[in-house]
Amino acid sequence: MPIEKFVTLESTYVPLPIENVDTDQIIPARFLKATTKEGFGDNLFADWRYNKDGSAKADFVLNDPKYTGSVLVAGKNFGSGSSREHAAWAVHGYGFKVVVSSFFADIFKNNSLNNGVLPVVVSEEFLSELFAADEKNTVVVNLEEQTITNKATGNTESFEINGYKKNCLLNGYDDIDYLISVKDEIEAFEGSKA
C-alpha cells in the first residue's frame, strides 16, 4: 500500500470510547498468517464486530451506519500489547487516515506512522468533547500546522509529531521513497568522501 500525501483532512469520525484497546483487540492473532497488507481492514476489531457465525453485531460502532469517516476517535491507551504491525495495517486497511486518542502505545504509534496513519494525541478534555458530540460532527486535522479542530465547538489543540515522519506523510513517502528523494544529496556526500 503506498503512503498517501497527508496535508489537511476534514472528516466525520467514528467514536470508540474504550480505554486500553490492545493490538489483539484491533486485529486478533488468528488473522496474522498473511504476509501482505491486503485484507486486514475486513478484520479490524473482528471479535467486537462479528458474531461467531460471521454476522455483524448491530451494537458495535463500525456496524452502525450513523458513524462514518476516515478518523477513529479512541479511548486512552490505544494500541497497547504486542508489537504486531498488522494492527496498523488493519486500521489503514479499513480506511482510517487518523486515529485520535489521549495516549498511544509507542510501538503502535510508530507502526501507524510507517503505514500512513496519523496518530494524534489530544488532552483528556478534548477527547471527552469529541465523544460528547453527535454523529455528524467533524474534525479538521492540519498536519502542516500540527493542529486538530473540533468543528462543533471550534476548539483547537496542537499535537506533536516527529519531524522526519511529518515530512514523510506530507510528501507521501515511506522510508525507501524518502531515501530516493534525497539520492542526489547522498551521492554528492559519498563523492565528497572519495
C-alpha atoms as a PDB file:
ATOM      1  CA  MET A   1       0.000   0.000   0.000  1.00  0.00           C
ATOM      2  CA  PRO A   2       1.570   3.274  -0.991  1.00  0.00           C
ATOM      3  CA  ILE A   3       1.596   6.114   1.517  1.00  0.00           C
ATOM      4  CA  GLU A   4      -0.827   8.867   0.538  1.00  0.00           C
ATOM      5  CA  LYS A   5       0.159  12.512   0.917  1.00  0.00           C
ATOM      6  CA  PHE A   6      -1.433  13.992   4.011  1.00  0.00           C
ATOM      7  CA  VAL A   7      -1.759  17.737   4.493  1.00  0.00           C
ATOM      8  CA  THR A   8      -5.244  18.575   5.823  1.00  0.00           C
ATOM      9  CA  LEU A   9      -8.222  16.332   6.446  1.00  0.00           C
ATOM     10  CA  GLU A  10     -11.772  17.311   7.378  1.00  0.00           C
ATOM     11  CA  SER A  11     -13.930  14.337   8.234  1.00  0.00           C
ATOM     12  CA  THR A  12     -16.667  12.962  10.399  1.00  0.00           C
ATOM     13  CA  TYR A  13     -15.339  10.391  12.830  1.00  0.00           C
ATOM     14  CA  VAL A  14     -16.073   7.046  14.407  1.00  0.00           C
ATOM     15  CA  PRO A  15     -16.105   7.186  18.236  1.00  0.00           C
ATOM     16  CA  LEU A  16     -14.682   4.226  20.148  1.00  0.00           C
ATOM     17  CA  PRO A  17     -14.743   5.366  23.803  1.00  0.00           C
ATOM     18  CA  ILE A  18     -13.000   2.259  25.112  1.00  0.00           C
ATOM     19  CA  GLU A  19      -9.738   2.552  27.061  1.00  0.00           C
ATOM     20  CA  ASN A  20      -6.772   0.170  26.885  1.00  0.00           C
ATOM     21  CA  VAL A  21      -7.568  -1.248  23.441  1.00  0.00           C
ATOM     22  CA  ASP A  22      -4.712  -3.635  22.712  1.00  0.00           C
ATOM     23  CA  THR A  23      -3.404  -4.904  19.397  1.00  0.00           C
ATOM     24  CA  ASP A  24      -5.121  -8.287  19.850  1.00  0.00           C
ATOM     25  CA  GLN A  25      -8.463  -6.488  20.016  1.00  0.00           C
ATOM     26  CA  ILE A  26      -7.524  -4.373  16.995  1.00  0.00           C
ATOM     27  CA  ILE A  27      -6.561  -7.451  14.922  1.00  0.00           C
ATOM     28  CA  PRO A  28      -6.925 -10.856  16.610  1.00  0.00           C
ATOM     29  CA  ALA A  29      -3.918 -13.188  16.386  1.00  0.00           C
ATOM     30  CA  ARG A  30      -5.707 -15.732  14.179  1.00  0.00           C
ATOM     31  CA  PHE A  31      -5.512 -13.226  11.291  1.00  0.00           C
ATOM     32  CA  LEU A  32      -1.739 -12.761  11.432  1.00  0.00           C
ATOM     33  CA  LYS A  33      -0.774 -15.506   8.993  1.00  0.00           C
ATOM     34  CA  ALA A  34      -0.848 -13.230   5.945  1.00  0.00           C
ATOM     35  CA  THR A  35       2.390 -11.648   4.779  1.00  0.00           C
ATOM     36  CA  THR A  36       0.881  -8.823   2.713  1.00  0.00           C
ATOM     37  CA  LYS A  37      -1.123  -5.868   3.983  1.00  0.00           C
ATOM     38  CA  GLU A  38      -4.241  -6.580   1.923  1.00  0.00           C
ATOM     39  CA  GLY A  39      -7.486  -7.598   3.600  1.00  0.00           C
ATOM     40  CA  PHE A  40      -6.684  -6.658   7.176  1.00  0.00           C
ATOM     41  CA  GLY A  41      -9.287  -3.884   7.274  1.00  0.00           C
ATOM     42  CA  ASP A  42     -12.030  -6.510   6.928  1.00  0.00           C
ATOM     43  CA  ASN A  43     -10.933  -7.963  10.264  1.00  0.00           C
ATOM     44  CA  LEU A  44     -10.391  -4.734  12.209  1.00  0.00           C
ATOM     45  CA  PHE A  45     -11.942  -5.309  15.676  1.00  0.00           C
ATOM     46  CA  ALA A  46     -13.221  -8.659  14.336  1.00  0.00           C
ATOM     47  CA  ASP A  47     -14.268 -10.082  17.702  1.00  0.00           C
ATOM     48  CA  TRP A  48     -16.224  -6.922  18.503  1.00  0.00           C
ATOM     49  CA  ARG A  49     -17.720  -6.538  15.001  1.00  0.00           C
ATOM     50  CA  TYR A  50     -18.862 -10.061  14.234  1.00  0.00           C
ATOM     51  CA  ASN A  51     -20.735 -12.901  15.895  1.00  0.00           C
ATOM     52  CA  LYS A  52     -19.324 -16.444  15.776  1.00  0.00           C
ATOM     53  CA  ASP A  53     -21.409 -17.131  12.649  1.00  0.00           C
ATOM     54  CA  GLY A  54     -19.863 -14.118  10.857  1.00  0.00           C
ATOM     55  CA  SER A  55     -22.919 -11.904  11.113  1.00  0.00           C
ATOM     56  CA  ALA A  56     -22.425  -8.273  12.142  1.00  0.00           C
ATOM     57  CA  LYS A  57     -23.052  -7.251  15.748  1.00  0.00           C
ATOM     58  CA  ALA A  58     -25.572  -4.428  15.440  1.00  0.00           C
ATOM     59  CA  ASP A  59     -24.417  -2.699  18.625  1.00  0.00           C
ATOM     60  CA  PHE A  60     -20.790  -2.200  17.532  1.00  0.00           C
ATOM     61  CA  VAL A  61     -19.945   1.266  16.223  1.00  0.00           C
ATOM     62  CA  LEU A  62     -18.305   0.117  12.954  1.00  0.00           C
ATOM     63  CA  ASN A  63     -21.575  -1.613  12.085  1.00  0.00           C
ATOM     64  CA  ASP A  64     -23.680   1.486  12.798  1.00  0.00           C
ATOM     65  CA  PRO A  65     -24.333   3.392   9.538  1.00  0.00           C
ATOM     66  CA  LYS A  66     -24.690   6.650  11.506  1.00  0.00           C
ATOM     67  CA  TYR A  67     -20.926   6.728  12.007  1.00  0.00           C
ATOM     68  CA  THR A  68     -18.633   7.225   9.047  1.00  0.00           C
ATOM     69  CA  GLY A  69     -15.403   8.978   8.232  1.00  0.00           C
ATOM     70  CA  SER A  70     -11.695   8.436   7.933  1.00  0.00           C
ATOM     71  CA  VAL A  71     -10.941   9.362  11.565  1.00  0.00           C
ATOM     72  CA  LEU A  72     -11.160   6.970  14.525  1.00  0.00           C
ATOM     73  CA  VAL A  73     -11.505   8.629  17.937  1.00  0.00           C
ATOM     74  CA  ALA A  74     -10.411   6.109  20.560  1.00  0.00           C
ATOM     75  CA  GLY A  75     -10.126   5.990  24.325  1.00  0.00           C
ATOM     76  CA  LYS A  76      -6.910   6.387  26.287  1.00  0.00           C
ATOM     77  CA  ASN A  77      -4.034   3.914  25.769  1.00  0.00           C
ATOM     78  CA  PHE A  78      -4.843   2.774  22.253  1.00  0.00           C
ATOM     79  CA  GLY A  79      -2.616   0.124  20.646  1.00  0.00           C
ATOM     80  CA  SER A  80      -1.059  -1.393  23.770  1.00  0.00           C
ATOM     81  CA  GLY A  81       0.033  -5.020  23.916  1.00  0.00           C
ATOM     82  CA  SER A  82       2.098  -6.866  21.334  1.00  0.00           C
ATOM     83  CA  SER A  83       4.135  -5.056  18.724  1.00  0.00           C
ATOM     84  CA  ARG A  84       2.279  -6.504  15.720  1.00  0.00           C
ATOM     85  CA  GLU A  85       2.430  -4.145  12.761  1.00  0.00           C
ATOM     86  CA  HIS A  86      -0.722  -5.848  11.486  1.00  0.00           C
ATOM     87  CA  ALA A  87      -2.737  -3.633  13.859  1.00  0.00           C
ATOM     88  CA  ALA A  88      -1.699  -0.532  11.913  1.00  0.00           C
ATOM     89  CA  TRP A  89      -2.349  -2.420   8.655  1.00  0.00           C
ATOM     90  CA  ALA A  90      -5.907  -3.167   9.840  1.00  0.00           C
ATOM     91  CA  VAL A  91      -6.607   0.439  10.835  1.00  0.00           C
ATOM     92  CA  HIS A  92      -5.275   1.690   7.488  1.00  0.00           C
ATOM     93  CA  GLY A  93      -6.967  -1.092   5.537  1.00  0.00           C
ATOM     94  CA  TYR A  94     -10.349  -0.172   6.995  1.00  0.00           C
ATOM     95  CA  GLY A  95      -9.879   3.358   5.663  1.00  0.00           C
ATOM     96  CA  PHE A  96      -8.859   5.348   8.719  1.00  0.00           C
ATOM     97  CA  LYS A  97      -6.244   8.012   7.997  1.00  0.00           C
ATOM     98  CA  VAL A  98      -6.152   9.438  11.533  1.00  0.00           C
ATOM     99  CA  VAL A  99      -6.548   7.922  14.993  1.00  0.00           C
ATOM    100  CA  VAL A 100      -7.163  10.343  17.857  1.00  0.00           C
ATOM    101  CA  SER A 101      -6.544   9.377  21.483  1.00  0.00           C
ATOM    102  CA  SER A 102      -5.145  10.868  24.671  1.00  0.00           C
ATOM    103  CA  PHE A 103      -2.363   8.225  24.713  1.00  0.00           C
ATOM    104  CA  PHE A 104      -0.893   5.679  22.280  1.00  0.00           C
ATOM    105  CA  ALA A 105       1.462   2.815  22.893  1.00  0.00           C
ATOM    106  CA  ASP A 106       4.793   3.850  21.325  1.00  0.00           C
ATOM    107  CA  ILE A 107       5.169   0.836  19.039  1.00  0.00           C
ATOM    108  CA  PHE A 108       1.632   1.192  17.680  1.00  0.00           C
ATOM    109  CA  LYS A 109       2.216   4.914  17.175  1.00  0.00           C
ATOM    110  CA  ASN A 110       5.397   4.285  15.164  1.00  0.00           C
ATOM    111  CA  ASN A 111       3.827   1.436  13.174  1.00  0.00           C
ATOM    112  CA  SER A 112       0.919   3.747  12.300  1.00  0.00           C
ATOM    113  CA  LEU A 113       3.227   6.480  11.054  1.00  0.00           C
ATOM    114  CA  ASN A 114       5.156   3.923   8.986  1.00  0.00           C
ATOM    115  CA  ASN A 115       1.903   2.866   7.330  1.00  0.00           C
ATOM    116  CA  GLY A 116       0.374   6.251   6.537  1.00  0.00           C
ATOM    117  CA  VAL A 117      -1.903   6.589   9.571  1.00  0.00           C
ATOM    118  CA  LEU A 118      -1.513   9.760  11.638  1.00  0.00           C
ATOM    119  CA  PRO A 119      -1.828   9.219  15.425  1.00  0.00           C
ATOM    120  CA  VAL A 120      -2.981  12.451  17.065  1.00  0.00           C
ATOM    121  CA  VAL A 121      -2.557  12.820  20.833  1.00  0.00           C
ATOM    122  CA  VAL A 122      -5.032  15.199  22.476  1.00  0.00           C
ATOM    123  CA  SER A 123      -5.909  16.103  26.052  1.00  0.00           C
ATOM    124  CA  GLU A 124      -8.469  14.085  28.034  1.00  0.00           C
ATOM    125  CA  GLU A 125     -10.761  17.130  27.938  1.00  0.00           C
ATOM    126  CA  PHE A 126     -10.597  17.447  24.159  1.00  0.00           C
ATOM    127  CA  LEU A 127     -11.199  13.714  23.776  1.00  0.00           C
ATOM    128  CA  SER A 128     -14.271  13.884  26.038  1.00  0.00           C
ATOM    129  CA  GLU A 129     -15.565  16.788  23.981  1.00  0.00           C
ATOM    130  CA  LEU A 130     -15.293  14.711  20.795  1.00  0.00           C
ATOM    131  CA  PHE A 131     -17.094  11.775  22.401  1.00  0.00           C
ATOM    132  CA  ALA A 132     -19.911  14.089  23.552  1.00  0.00           C
ATOM    133  CA  ALA A 133     -20.669  15.424  20.051  1.00  0.00           C
ATOM    134  CA  ASP A 134     -23.235  13.925  17.688  1.00  0.00           C
ATOM    135  CA  GLU A 135     -22.512  11.625  14.746  1.00  0.00           C
ATOM    136  CA  LYS A 136     -22.452  14.472  12.218  1.00  0.00           C
ATOM    137  CA  ASN A 137     -19.630  16.311  13.953  1.00  0.00           C
ATOM    138  CA  THR A 138     -16.383  16.745  12.064  1.00  0.00           C
ATOM    139  CA  VAL A 139     -12.778  17.380  12.937  1.00  0.00           C
ATOM    140  CA  VAL A 140     -10.146  19.173  10.881  1.00  0.00           C
ATOM    141  CA  VAL A 141      -6.631  17.749  11.144  1.00  0.00           C
ATOM    142  CA  ASN A 142      -3.924  20.033   9.764  1.00  0.00           C
ATOM    143  CA  LEU A 143      -0.579  18.257   9.623  1.00  0.00           C
ATOM    144  CA  GLU A 144       1.411  21.285   8.453  1.00  0.00           C
ATOM    145  CA  GLU A 145       0.238  23.308  11.467  1.00  0.00           C
ATOM    146  CA  GLN A 146       0.013  20.221  13.715  1.00  0.00           C
ATOM    147  CA  THR A 147      -3.480  21.087  14.891  1.00  0.00           C
ATOM    148  CA  ILE A 148      -6.824  19.348  15.301  1.00  0.00           C
ATOM    149  CA  THR A 149     -10.071  21.327  15.496  1.00  0.00           C
ATOM    150  CA  ASN A 150     -13.427  20.172  16.820  1.00  0.00           C
ATOM    151  CA  LYS A 151     -15.914  21.778  14.415  1.00  0.00           C
ATOM    152  CA  ALA A 152     -18.769  21.513  16.962  1.00  0.00           C
ATOM    153  CA  THR A 153     -17.036  23.769  19.474  1.00  0.00           C
ATOM    154  CA  GLY A 154     -14.313  25.480  17.449  1.00  0.00           C
ATOM    155  CA  ASN A 155     -11.736  24.312  19.984  1.00  0.00           C
ATOM    156  CA  THR A 156      -8.289  23.526  18.597  1.00  0.00           C
ATOM    157  CA  GLU A 157      -5.380  21.614  20.081  1.00  0.00           C
ATOM    158  CA  SER A 158      -1.831  21.205  18.870  1.00  0.00           C
ATOM    159  CA  PHE A 159      -0.204  17.790  18.590  1.00  0.00           C
ATOM    160  CA  GLU A 160       3.388  16.598  18.400  1.00  0.00           C
ATOM    161  CA  ILE A 161       4.924  14.566  15.591  1.00  0.00           C
ATOM    162  CA  ASN A 162       8.466  13.538  14.729  1.00  0.00           C
ATOM    163  CA  GLY A 163       9.806  15.948  12.070  1.00  0.00           C
ATOM    164  CA  TYR A 164      11.016  13.158   9.798  1.00  0.00           C
ATOM    165  CA  LYS A 165       7.673  11.340   9.911  1.00  0.00           C
ATOM    166  CA  LYS A 166       5.831  14.607   9.324  1.00  0.00           C
ATOM    167  CA  ASN A 167       7.922  15.205   6.204  1.00  0.00           C
ATOM    168  CA  CYS A 168       7.218  11.667   5.001  1.00  0.00           C
ATOM    169  CA  LEU A 169       3.450  11.998   5.466  1.00  0.00           C
ATOM    170  CA  LEU A 170       3.311  15.437   3.843  1.00  0.00           C
ATOM    171  CA  ASN A 171       5.105  14.044   0.785  1.00  0.00           C
ATOM    172  CA  GLY A 172       3.574  10.560   0.716  1.00  0.00           C
ATOM    173  CA  TYR A 173       6.914   8.865   1.393  1.00  0.00           C
ATOM    174  CA  ASP A 174       7.734   5.622   3.095  1.00  0.00           C
ATOM    175  CA  ASP A 175      11.354   5.232   4.261  1.00  0.00           C
ATOM    176  CA  ILE A 176      12.534   3.997   0.844  1.00  0.00           C
ATOM    177  CA  ASP A 177      10.731   6.811  -1.010  1.00  0.00           C
ATOM    178  CA  TYR A 178      12.439   9.304   1.287  1.00  0.00           C
ATOM    179  CA  LEU A 179      15.892   7.876   0.512  1.00  0.00           C
ATOM    180  CA  ILE A 180      15.140   8.037  -3.210  1.00  0.00           C
ATOM    181  CA  SER A 181      14.072  11.688  -2.804  1.00  0.00           C
ATOM    182  CA  VAL A 182      17.498  12.588  -1.380  1.00  0.00           C
ATOM    183  CA  LYS A 183      19.527  10.290  -3.646  1.00  0.00           C
ATOM    184  CA  ASP A 184      21.417  13.181  -5.263  1.00  0.00           C
ATOM    185  CA  GLU A 185      22.406  14.560  -1.858  1.00  0.00           C
ATOM    186  CA  ILE A 186      23.566  11.111  -0.716  1.00  0.00           C
ATOM    187  CA  GLU A 187      25.623  10.620  -3.874  1.00  0.00           C
ATOM    188  CA  ALA A 188      27.155  14.106  -3.525  1.00  0.00           C
ATOM    189  CA  PHE A 189      28.083  13.358   0.082  1.00  0.00           C
ATOM    190  CA  GLU A 190      29.571   9.999  -0.866  1.00  0.00           C
ATOM    191  CA  GLY A 191      31.512  11.664  -3.697  1.00  0.00           C
ATOM    192  CA  SER A 192      32.963  14.231  -1.307  1.00  0.00           C
ATOM    193  CA  LYS A 193      34.423  11.425   0.833  1.00  0.00           C
ATOM    194  CA  ALA A 194      36.318   9.793  -2.076  1.00  0.00           C
END
